[in-house]
Amino acid sequence: MNNLIIYILQSGTILALLYCVYWLFMRKDTFFVLQRFYLMLSAVLSFLIPLLNIRLSVGNSQTVYSYLLETIVVSPDELAVTLKENMNLYKILATGYIAGTAFFLLRFLFILGRLSLLISKNGHTVYTGVKIIFTHNEAAPYSFFNMIFLGSEITDHKKLEIIVLHEQVHIRQKHSVDLLILELISIFQWYNPFIWFYKTSLKSLHEFLADRGVLQEGISKVEYQAMLVNQTFEMQLNYLFNSFNHSLIKRRFFMMSKSKTNRIALLKMILVFPLAIALTVLFSITVSERITAQENPVKSTSEVSKQEIQEQDQAVFTVVEKMPRFPGGDEARIKYMVENIRYPEAARKNGIKGTVYISFIVEKDGKISTVKVIRGIGGGCDEEAFRVIQNMPYWEPGKQKGEPVRTILNIPIKFDFKEDVKKPEQNHGTEENQSSTPSEKK
């Protein structure tokens, strides 16, 4: 569950970073085709890059434990409460995210349903090779794939010709595909304000490209701009569809009058592309420390047999297509830890705290083997962590290409405690009240 939260946060951060690059370095230029390509590519990469999970290891040791499970925090009196609170937080976040995603998915399907109903209700006519649907309302003209929707029947032939020409550019350049892809991404990134910035910027680029296409057909710029001003300024039916976007008229006029960007700006844009991609790839790189497995100070009651040692020569995977899973999932694993691990009294008395790193192999049949303390803190904490991991039930084994494989995992177990709060000396009250915790006293 927490892996889902981490993924969507990483994806959202990458999306925000790539949009900032566009806003800072590209939005004022007139390379509209390149800008469109950048926005679409960056939006898709924001989903893919966190999945790469590139891992780099540092240090001189040869033994690398690259896949870490979630850290378990052990506190003498607060272990169960702390872990339950963390799990509740994960549940709340995940539930809220899933609910938002479901809402925007239903909203998307509802809009498509309205569009389908509009087409079936009004039918279409063919004009200069394209389908035109007259909706008999005041909505601004818009296009969706190979269909053009007009808010009312336009009797002015010249005006109709320019509008259709404008929408044909959207159709020819397949702008609806861009918007559809971005809309699907926004269903999963609904919580991220930058996805809405993406949609606004992409629609603006579509309008700039359509304006350029109209002017390249020989339409007078003055005549075209006059028609834009006179166009009925009503809200378009839906954000999915390209339209004669009245909210951008001022910027569109400016872009029509602006000369093409010079070569220096083009060079800047070409350099920005790889730089932006390189920066975002950094989000998928995890630097893990190479930790040498120390000699295990724990004497196991069941020594590893020679046959088991020989079996260790088989391939052991660190990352596989389907990672091993504790029976019941992460929540069940944490519950197991809550019910079984204890903070050693000796460590508590001597103020020993820190993180014990345990590595273990999940065998092909799910059995736990080769448990090692790869970094310990003493005070009995190493033995306690070793005991709890060694006694874990069989896991669901990891799989590579559909086949179970031996997989090595590394789990950090953090032993920490809070200093006992000294109770104020009081001579009144019952013995029961005096022995109550500070939080229970008024």
Protein backbone atom coordinates (compact mmCIF):
# COMPACT_ATOMS: atom_id res chain seq x y z
CA MET A 1 0.00 0.00 0.00
CA ASN A 2 2.80 2.39 0.92
CA ASN A 3 4.55 1.48 -2.36
CA LEU A 4 1.52 2.86 -4.23
CA ILE A 5 1.72 6.12 -2.28
CA ILE A 6 5.46 6.42 -2.93
CA TYR A 7 4.95 5.77 -6.64
CA ILE A 8 2.23 8.37 -7.16
CA LEU A 9 4.23 10.95 -5.20
CA GLN A 10 7.34 10.27 -7.30
CA SER A 11 5.32 10.44 -10.50
CA GLY A 12 3.69 13.69 -9.42
CA THR A 13 7.04 15.24 -8.49
CA ILE A 14 8.54 14.35 -11.86
CA LEU A 15 5.50 15.77 -13.63
CA ALA A 16 5.86 19.03 -11.69
CA LEU A 17 9.59 19.28 -12.41
CA LEU A 18 9.16 18.72 -16.14
CA TYR A 19 6.39 21.28 -16.35
CA CYS A 20 8.54 23.84 -14.54
CA VAL A 21 11.22 23.29 -17.18
CA TYR A 22 8.64 24.00 -19.89
CA TRP A 23 7.28 27.08 -18.13
CA LEU A 24 10.73 28.57 -17.50
CA PHE A 25 12.45 27.83 -20.81
CA MET A 26 9.90 27.09 -23.55
CA ARG A 27 6.49 28.70 -23.18
CA LYS A 28 7.43 32.06 -24.76
CA ASP A 29 8.98 30.55 -27.90
CA THR A 30 7.16 29.82 -31.13
CA PHE A 31 8.40 26.27 -31.69
CA PHE A 32 4.90 24.98 -31.06
CA VAL A 33 5.47 21.51 -32.53
CA LEU A 34 8.52 20.88 -30.32
CA GLN A 35 6.70 22.22 -27.29
CA ARG A 36 3.78 19.93 -27.96
CA PHE A 37 6.14 16.98 -28.30
CA TYR A 38 7.89 17.90 -25.03
CA LEU A 39 4.66 18.20 -23.04
CA MET A 40 3.32 14.87 -24.27
CA LEU A 41 6.61 13.03 -23.82
CA SER A 42 7.19 14.44 -20.35
CA ALA A 43 3.67 13.54 -19.22
CA VAL A 44 4.16 9.92 -20.30
CA LEU A 45 7.67 9.73 -18.82
CA SER A 46 6.37 10.93 -15.46
CA PHE A 47 4.49 7.63 -15.28
CA LEU A 48 7.29 5.42 -16.61
CA ILE A 49 10.41 6.81 -14.91
CA PRO A 50 9.44 5.81 -11.33
CA LEU A 51 9.00 2.25 -12.59
CA LEU A 52 12.62 2.02 -13.74
CA ASN A 53 13.85 1.74 -10.15
CA ILE A 54 17.54 2.07 -11.09
CA ARG A 55 19.78 1.15 -8.18
CA LEU A 56 23.37 2.23 -7.61
CA SER A 57 25.53 0.83 -4.87
CA VAL A 58 28.43 2.56 -3.17
CA GLY A 59 31.25 1.22 -1.07
CA ASN A 60 34.01 -1.37 -1.48
CA SER A 61 32.21 -4.46 -0.29
CA GLN A 62 31.08 -7.10 -2.73
CA THR A 63 27.88 -8.10 -0.97
CA VAL A 64 24.91 -5.91 -1.92
CA TYR A 65 21.46 -6.08 -0.44
CA SER A 66 19.51 -3.79 -2.73
CA TYR A 67 15.86 -4.45 -1.89
CA LEU A 68 14.79 -3.06 1.47
CA LEU A 69 11.47 -3.74 3.06
CA GLU A 70 9.75 -1.06 5.12
CA THR A 71 11.59 -0.20 8.33
CA ILE A 72 10.01 -1.60 11.48
CA VAL A 73 10.31 0.70 14.48
CA VAL A 74 10.48 -1.03 17.87
CA SER A 75 9.68 0.99 20.97
CA PRO A 76 9.23 -0.59 24.41
CA ASP A 77 5.66 0.51 25.09
CA GLU A 78 4.48 2.06 21.84
CA LEU A 79 5.29 -0.50 19.13
CA ALA A 80 1.75 -1.66 18.46
CA VAL A 81 0.26 1.82 18.64
CA THR A 82 2.88 3.36 16.35
CA LEU A 83 2.62 0.69 13.69
CA LYS A 84 -1.16 0.71 13.74
CA GLU A 85 -1.17 4.49 13.36
CA ASN A 86 1.19 4.22 10.36
CA MET A 87 -0.97 1.57 8.74
CA ASN A 88 -4.08 3.67 9.34
CA LEU A 89 -2.38 6.66 7.71
CA TYR A 90 -1.46 4.56 4.67
CA LYS A 91 -5.02 3.29 4.47
CA ILE A 92 -6.49 6.78 4.65
CA LEU A 93 -4.15 8.13 1.96
CA ALA A 94 -4.64 5.14 -0.32
CA THR A 95 -8.41 5.16 0.14
CA GLY A 96 -8.59 8.89 -0.59
CA TYR A 97 -6.46 8.48 -3.71
CA ILE A 98 -8.52 5.56 -5.02
CA ALA A 99 -11.77 7.43 -4.33
CA GLY A 100 -10.52 10.50 -6.24
CA THR A 101 -9.35 8.34 -9.13
CA ALA A 102 -12.72 6.59 -9.29
CA PHE A 103 -14.53 9.95 -9.32
CA PHE A 104 -12.50 11.36 -12.22
CA LEU A 105 -12.79 8.10 -14.14
CA LEU A 106 -16.59 8.19 -13.82
CA ARG A 107 -16.55 11.85 -14.81
CA PHE A 108 -14.55 11.00 -17.92
CA LEU A 109 -16.94 8.19 -18.88
CA PHE A 110 -19.93 10.45 -18.27
CA ILE A 111 -18.54 13.08 -20.65
CA LEU A 112 -17.94 10.48 -23.35
CA GLY A 113 -21.49 9.28 -22.84
CA ARG A 114 -22.85 12.81 -23.28
CA LEU A 115 -20.86 13.19 -26.47
CA SER A 116 -22.18 9.90 -27.85
CA LEU A 117 -25.75 10.98 -27.01
CA LEU A 118 -25.19 14.34 -28.71
CA ILE A 119 -24.03 12.65 -31.91
CA SER A 120 -26.91 10.19 -32.02
CA LYS A 121 -29.46 12.89 -31.25
CA ASN A 122 -28.36 15.48 -33.84
CA GLY A 123 -26.81 13.36 -36.57
CA HIS A 124 -24.22 14.87 -38.89
CA THR A 125 -23.71 16.50 -42.26
CA VAL A 126 -20.66 16.40 -44.48
CA TYR A 127 -18.96 19.66 -45.41
CA THR A 128 -15.65 19.82 -47.33
CA GLY A 129 -14.95 16.22 -46.43
CA VAL A 130 -15.51 16.43 -42.67
CA LYS A 131 -18.42 15.48 -40.42
CA ILE A 132 -20.24 18.42 -38.87
CA ILE A 133 -22.71 18.07 -36.03
CA PHE A 134 -24.98 21.05 -35.36
CA THR A 135 -25.85 21.01 -31.68
CA HIS A 136 -28.35 23.90 -31.84
CA ASN A 137 -26.97 25.59 -28.75
CA GLU A 138 -24.57 28.42 -27.99
CA ALA A 139 -21.50 26.32 -27.25
CA ALA A 140 -18.29 27.41 -28.94
CA PRO A 141 -17.17 25.38 -31.96
CA TYR A 142 -14.94 22.40 -31.10
CA SER A 143 -13.61 19.25 -32.72
CA PHE A 144 -13.17 15.71 -31.49
CA PHE A 145 -11.16 13.39 -33.72
CA ASN A 146 -12.79 13.64 -37.19
CA MET A 147 -15.94 15.46 -36.06
CA ILE A 148 -16.62 19.18 -35.83
CA PHE A 149 -19.34 20.43 -33.49
CA LEU A 150 -20.97 23.79 -34.14
CA GLY A 151 -23.05 25.48 -31.50
CA SER A 152 -25.60 26.81 -33.98
CA GLU A 153 -26.16 26.77 -37.72
CA ILE A 154 -23.93 29.43 -39.23
CA THR A 155 -25.35 31.08 -42.34
CA ASP A 156 -22.29 33.23 -43.09
CA HIS A 157 -20.43 31.05 -45.59
CA LYS A 158 -17.09 32.83 -45.09
CA LYS A 159 -17.28 32.51 -41.34
CA LEU A 160 -18.19 28.82 -41.62
CA GLU A 161 -15.25 28.26 -43.96
CA ILE A 162 -12.76 29.80 -41.51
CA ILE A 163 -14.15 27.90 -38.52
CA VAL A 164 -14.06 24.60 -40.38
CA LEU A 165 -10.54 25.37 -41.60
CA HIS A 166 -9.45 26.03 -38.01
CA GLU A 167 -10.97 22.80 -36.72
CA GLN A 168 -9.55 20.82 -39.64
CA VAL A 169 -6.06 21.73 -38.44
CA HIS A 170 -6.92 20.19 -35.06
CA ILE A 171 -8.21 17.08 -36.81
CA ARG A 172 -5.29 16.79 -39.21
CA GLN A 173 -2.69 17.17 -36.45
CA LYS A 174 -4.58 14.71 -34.20
CA HIS A 175 -4.83 17.07 -31.25
CA SER A 176 -7.66 15.00 -29.81
CA VAL A 177 -5.21 12.14 -29.24
CA ASP A 178 -3.06 14.44 -27.09
CA LEU A 179 -6.00 15.55 -25.02
CA LEU A 180 -7.32 12.03 -24.60
CA ILE A 181 -3.94 10.76 -23.36
CA LEU A 182 -3.55 13.69 -21.01
CA GLU A 183 -7.07 13.20 -19.72
CA LEU A 184 -6.31 9.56 -18.89
CA ILE A 185 -3.16 10.65 -17.08
CA SER A 186 -5.10 13.27 -15.13
CA ILE A 187 -7.42 10.56 -13.85
CA PHE A 188 -4.46 9.12 -11.93
CA GLN A 189 -2.78 12.46 -11.22
CA TRP A 190 -5.95 14.31 -10.18
CA TYR A 191 -4.38 15.40 -6.90
CA ASN A 192 -1.49 17.12 -8.68
CA PRO A 193 -2.15 20.76 -9.69
CA PHE A 194 0.53 20.52 -12.37
CA ILE A 195 -1.53 18.12 -14.46
CA TRP A 196 -4.11 20.88 -14.87
CA PHE A 197 -1.35 23.29 -15.88
CA TYR A 198 -0.29 20.71 -18.47
CA LYS A 199 -3.78 20.55 -19.93
CA THR A 200 -4.10 24.33 -20.11
CA SER A 201 -0.71 24.72 -21.79
CA LEU A 202 -1.36 21.93 -24.25
CA LYS A 203 -4.71 23.40 -25.28
CA SER A 204 -3.01 26.76 -25.81
CA LEU A 205 -0.41 25.13 -28.07
CA HIS A 206 -3.17 23.45 -30.04
CA GLU A 207 -4.81 26.83 -30.63
CA PHE A 208 -1.52 28.43 -31.67
CA LEU A 209 -0.93 25.60 -34.15
CA ALA A 210 -4.47 25.88 -35.53
CA ASP A 211 -4.14 29.67 -35.90
CA ARG A 212 -0.88 29.22 -37.76
CA GLY A 213 -2.50 26.61 -40.01
CA VAL A 214 -5.37 28.96 -40.88
CA LEU A 215 -3.05 31.85 -41.74
CA GLN A 216 -0.88 29.57 -43.85
CA GLU A 217 -3.97 28.84 -45.97
CA GLY A 218 -4.00 32.49 -47.05
CA ILE A 219 -6.68 33.82 -44.70
CA SER A 220 -6.16 37.48 -43.84
CA LYS A 221 -4.84 37.90 -40.31
CA VAL A 222 -7.02 40.99 -39.76
CA GLU A 223 -10.11 39.19 -40.99
CA TYR A 224 -9.34 36.13 -38.92
CA GLN A 225 -8.73 38.10 -35.72
CA ALA A 226 -11.93 40.09 -36.27
CA MET A 227 -13.88 36.86 -36.51
CA LEU A 228 -12.34 35.65 -33.25
CA VAL A 229 -13.41 38.81 -31.48
CA ASN A 230 -16.94 38.52 -32.82
CA GLN A 231 -17.22 34.82 -32.05
CA THR A 232 -19.81 34.05 -29.36
CA PHE A 233 -17.93 33.66 -26.10
CA GLU A 234 -19.67 30.74 -24.49
CA MET A 235 -18.14 27.90 -22.56
CA GLN A 236 -17.20 24.93 -24.68
CA LEU A 237 -19.11 21.74 -24.04
CA ASN A 238 -16.19 19.84 -22.64
CA TYR A 239 -12.52 20.21 -21.91
CA LEU A 240 -11.78 17.07 -23.94
CA PHE A 241 -12.54 18.75 -27.22
CA ASN A 242 -10.52 21.27 -29.20
CA SER A 243 -12.34 24.54 -29.58
CA PHE A 244 -12.20 28.11 -30.73
CA ASN A 245 -10.86 28.94 -27.28
CA HIS A 246 -12.04 32.43 -26.38
CA SER A 247 -10.04 32.57 -23.13
CA LEU A 248 -6.79 32.61 -25.08
CA ILE A 249 -7.59 35.27 -27.66
CA LYS A 250 -5.13 37.82 -26.28
CA ARG A 251 -2.23 35.37 -26.29
CA ARG A 252 -3.24 34.02 -29.67
CA PHE A 253 -3.15 37.50 -31.17
CA PHE A 254 0.30 38.01 -29.66
CA MET A 255 1.61 34.70 -31.03
CA MET A 256 0.19 35.47 -34.49
CA SER A 257 2.11 38.74 -34.53
CA LYS A 258 5.32 37.37 -33.03
CA SER A 259 8.12 36.54 -35.41
CA LYS A 260 9.54 33.05 -35.43
CA THR A 261 11.99 32.32 -32.64
CA ASN A 262 15.66 32.56 -33.59
CA ARG A 263 18.24 29.79 -33.76
CA ILE A 264 19.59 30.52 -30.30
CA ALA A 265 16.18 29.78 -28.83
CA LEU A 266 16.04 26.57 -30.86
CA LEU A 267 19.45 25.53 -29.52
CA LYS A 268 18.26 26.29 -26.00
CA MET A 269 15.23 24.10 -26.50
CA ILE A 270 17.31 21.24 -27.91
CA LEU A 271 19.60 21.38 -24.87
CA VAL A 272 16.72 21.57 -22.42
CA PHE A 273 15.23 18.27 -23.62
CA PRO A 274 18.05 15.92 -22.50
CA LEU A 275 18.69 18.00 -19.37
CA ALA A 276 15.09 17.67 -18.25
CA ILE A 277 15.05 13.93 -18.92
CA ALA A 278 18.37 13.45 -17.09
CA LEU A 279 17.09 15.31 -14.04
CA THR A 280 13.94 13.25 -13.83
CA VAL A 281 15.80 9.96 -14.25
CA LEU A 282 17.60 10.85 -11.01
CA PHE A 283 14.30 10.30 -9.23
CA SER A 284 14.39 6.65 -10.23
CA ILE A 285 17.91 6.07 -8.90
CA THR A 286 18.28 4.72 -5.41
CA VAL A 287 21.76 4.81 -3.91
CA SER A 288 22.17 1.93 -1.52
CA GLU A 289 25.12 1.31 0.73
CA ARG A 290 27.05 -1.89 0.24
CA ILE A 291 26.99 -3.65 3.56
CA THR A 292 29.23 -6.61 4.23
CA ALA A 293 27.57 -9.44 6.05
CA GLN A 294 29.34 -9.60 9.39
CA GLU A 295 29.98 -12.85 11.15
CA ASN A 296 26.70 -13.77 12.69
CA PRO A 297 27.02 -13.43 16.48
CA VAL A 298 23.78 -15.35 16.92
CA LYS A 299 24.04 -19.05 17.44
CA SER A 300 21.09 -20.57 15.68
CA THR A 301 19.49 -23.60 17.28
CA SER A 302 19.21 -25.16 13.80
CA GLU A 303 22.60 -25.09 12.06
CA VAL A 304 22.64 -24.89 8.28
CA SER A 305 23.32 -28.30 6.78
CA LYS A 306 25.92 -28.97 4.10
CA GLN A 307 23.16 -29.61 1.60
CA GLU A 308 21.63 -26.21 2.34
CA ILE A 309 25.04 -24.57 1.90
CA GLN A 310 25.41 -26.21 -1.47
CA GLU A 311 21.96 -25.00 -2.46
CA GLN A 312 23.13 -21.44 -1.81
CA ASP A 313 25.22 -21.70 -4.96
CA GLN A 314 22.00 -21.51 -6.94
CA ALA A 315 21.06 -18.16 -8.44
CA VAL A 316 19.73 -15.71 -5.85
CA PHE A 317 17.80 -12.70 -7.16
CA THR A 318 17.66 -9.28 -5.53
CA VAL A 319 14.86 -7.86 -7.69
CA VAL A 320 12.39 -10.00 -9.62
CA GLU A 321 9.25 -9.40 -11.65
CA LYS A 322 7.06 -10.42 -8.71
CA MET A 323 8.69 -9.85 -5.34
CA PRO A 324 8.13 -12.25 -2.43
CA ARG A 325 5.10 -11.48 -0.30
CA PHE A 326 4.42 -12.17 3.33
CA PRO A 327 1.19 -14.22 3.65
CA GLY A 328 -1.53 -11.60 3.99
CA GLY A 329 0.61 -8.72 2.74
CA ASP A 330 2.47 -5.91 4.47
CA GLU A 331 -0.22 -5.38 7.09
CA ALA A 332 0.01 -9.02 8.14
CA ARG A 333 3.83 -8.79 8.22
CA ILE A 334 3.68 -5.75 10.50
CA LYS A 335 1.11 -7.47 12.69
CA TYR A 336 3.45 -10.44 13.00
CA MET A 337 6.26 -8.12 14.08
CA VAL A 338 4.00 -6.36 16.60
CA GLU A 339 2.98 -9.62 18.19
CA ASN A 340 6.43 -11.21 18.33
CA ILE A 341 9.25 -8.71 18.69
CA ARG A 342 10.33 -7.34 22.06
CA TYR A 343 12.73 -4.60 23.07
CA PRO A 344 15.53 -6.36 25.03
CA GLU A 345 15.64 -5.25 28.64
CA ALA A 346 19.43 -5.09 28.62
CA ALA A 347 19.42 -2.74 25.63
CA ARG A 348 16.81 -0.57 27.28
CA LYS A 349 18.71 -0.31 30.58
CA ASN A 350 21.97 0.52 28.82
CA GLY A 351 20.40 3.08 26.46
CA ILE A 352 21.21 1.04 23.35
CA LYS A 353 19.23 2.04 20.27
CA GLY A 354 19.73 1.99 16.52
CA THR A 355 18.87 -0.02 13.41
CA VAL A 356 19.59 -3.70 12.95
CA TYR A 357 19.80 -4.81 9.30
CA ILE A 358 18.75 -8.38 8.66
CA SER A 359 19.09 -10.16 5.33
CA PHE A 360 17.34 -13.39 4.48
CA ILE A 361 16.47 -15.52 1.48
CA VAL A 362 12.95 -16.49 0.52
CA GLU A 363 13.36 -19.90 -1.05
CA LYS A 364 11.41 -21.24 -4.00
CA ASP A 365 8.94 -22.90 -1.64
CA GLY A 366 8.60 -19.75 0.49
CA LYS A 367 10.75 -20.95 3.35
CA ILE A 368 13.00 -18.42 5.11
CA SER A 369 16.69 -19.35 5.01
CA THR A 370 20.18 -17.88 5.38
CA VAL A 371 19.15 -15.29 7.95
CA LYS A 372 22.08 -12.94 8.69
CA VAL A 373 22.68 -9.89 10.78
CA ILE A 374 24.47 -7.64 8.31
CA ARG A 375 24.69 -4.74 10.73
CA GLY A 376 23.96 -4.92 14.42
CA ILE A 377 23.87 -2.71 17.49
CA GLY A 378 24.31 -5.22 20.32
CA GLY A 379 22.52 -5.31 23.63
CA GLY A 380 20.47 -8.32 22.59
CA CYS A 381 18.77 -6.41 19.75
CA ASP A 382 20.63 -8.40 17.09
CA GLU A 383 19.52 -11.70 18.61
CA GLU A 384 15.91 -10.49 18.94
CA ALA A 385 15.74 -9.32 15.32
CA PHE A 386 17.37 -12.56 14.15
CA ARG A 387 14.91 -14.68 16.16
CA VAL A 388 11.81 -12.94 14.85
CA ILE A 389 12.91 -13.10 11.20
CA GLN A 390 14.03 -16.71 11.43
CA ASN A 391 10.68 -17.77 12.86
CA MET A 392 8.57 -16.06 10.21
CA PRO A 393 6.06 -18.29 8.42
CA TYR A 394 6.51 -19.34 4.81
CA TRP A 395 6.25 -16.48 2.31
CA GLU A 396 4.80 -16.46 -1.17
CA PRO A 397 8.03 -16.86 -3.19
CA GLY A 398 9.29 -14.36 -5.71
CA LYS A 399 8.76 -15.15 -9.38
CA GLN A 400 10.77 -14.47 -12.49
CA LYS A 401 9.15 -15.23 -15.84
CA GLY A 402 6.39 -17.02 -13.99
CA GLU A 403 8.73 -19.40 -12.16
CA PRO A 404 9.50 -19.28 -8.40
CA VAL A 405 13.06 -18.18 -7.65
CA ARG A 406 15.23 -17.65 -4.59
CA THR A 407 15.11 -14.00 -3.60
CA ILE A 408 17.18 -12.13 -1.05
CA LEU A 409 15.56 -9.39 1.02
CA ASN A 410 16.86 -6.90 3.53
CA ILE A 411 14.76 -5.55 6.38
CA PRO A 412 15.79 -2.74 8.73
CA ILE A 413 14.48 -3.06 12.30
CA LYS A 414 14.90 0.14 14.27
CA PHE A 415 15.11 -0.10 18.04
CA ASP A 416 14.26 3.20 19.68
CA PHE A 417 12.74 4.38 22.91
CA LYS A 418 11.68 7.52 24.72
CA GLU A 419 13.02 8.46 28.09
CA ASP A 420 10.61 7.68 30.87
CA VAL A 421 8.77 10.78 32.01
CA LYS A 422 9.50 11.43 35.67
CA LYS A 423 6.37 11.62 37.66
CA PRO A 424 5.93 14.53 40.07
CA GLU A 425 6.00 13.53 43.70
CA GLN A 426 2.54 13.74 45.13
CA ASN A 427 1.21 12.55 48.45
CA HIS A 428 -2.44 12.69 47.63
CA GLY A 429 -4.57 10.38 45.52
CA THR A 430 -4.96 6.67 45.57
CA GLU A 431 -2.15 4.30 44.76
CA GLU A 432 -3.95 3.40 41.55
CA ASN A 433 -4.09 7.02 40.45
CA GLN A 434 -0.42 7.57 41.35
CA SER A 435 0.63 4.66 39.20
CA SER A 436 -1.29 5.88 36.17
CA THR A 437 0.58 7.21 33.16
CA PRO A 438 1.08 10.97 32.76
CA SER A 439 -1.38 11.05 29.91
CA GLU A 440 -4.09 9.72 32.19
CA LYS A 441 -3.61 12.44 34.80
CA LYS A 442 -5.43 15.69 34.71
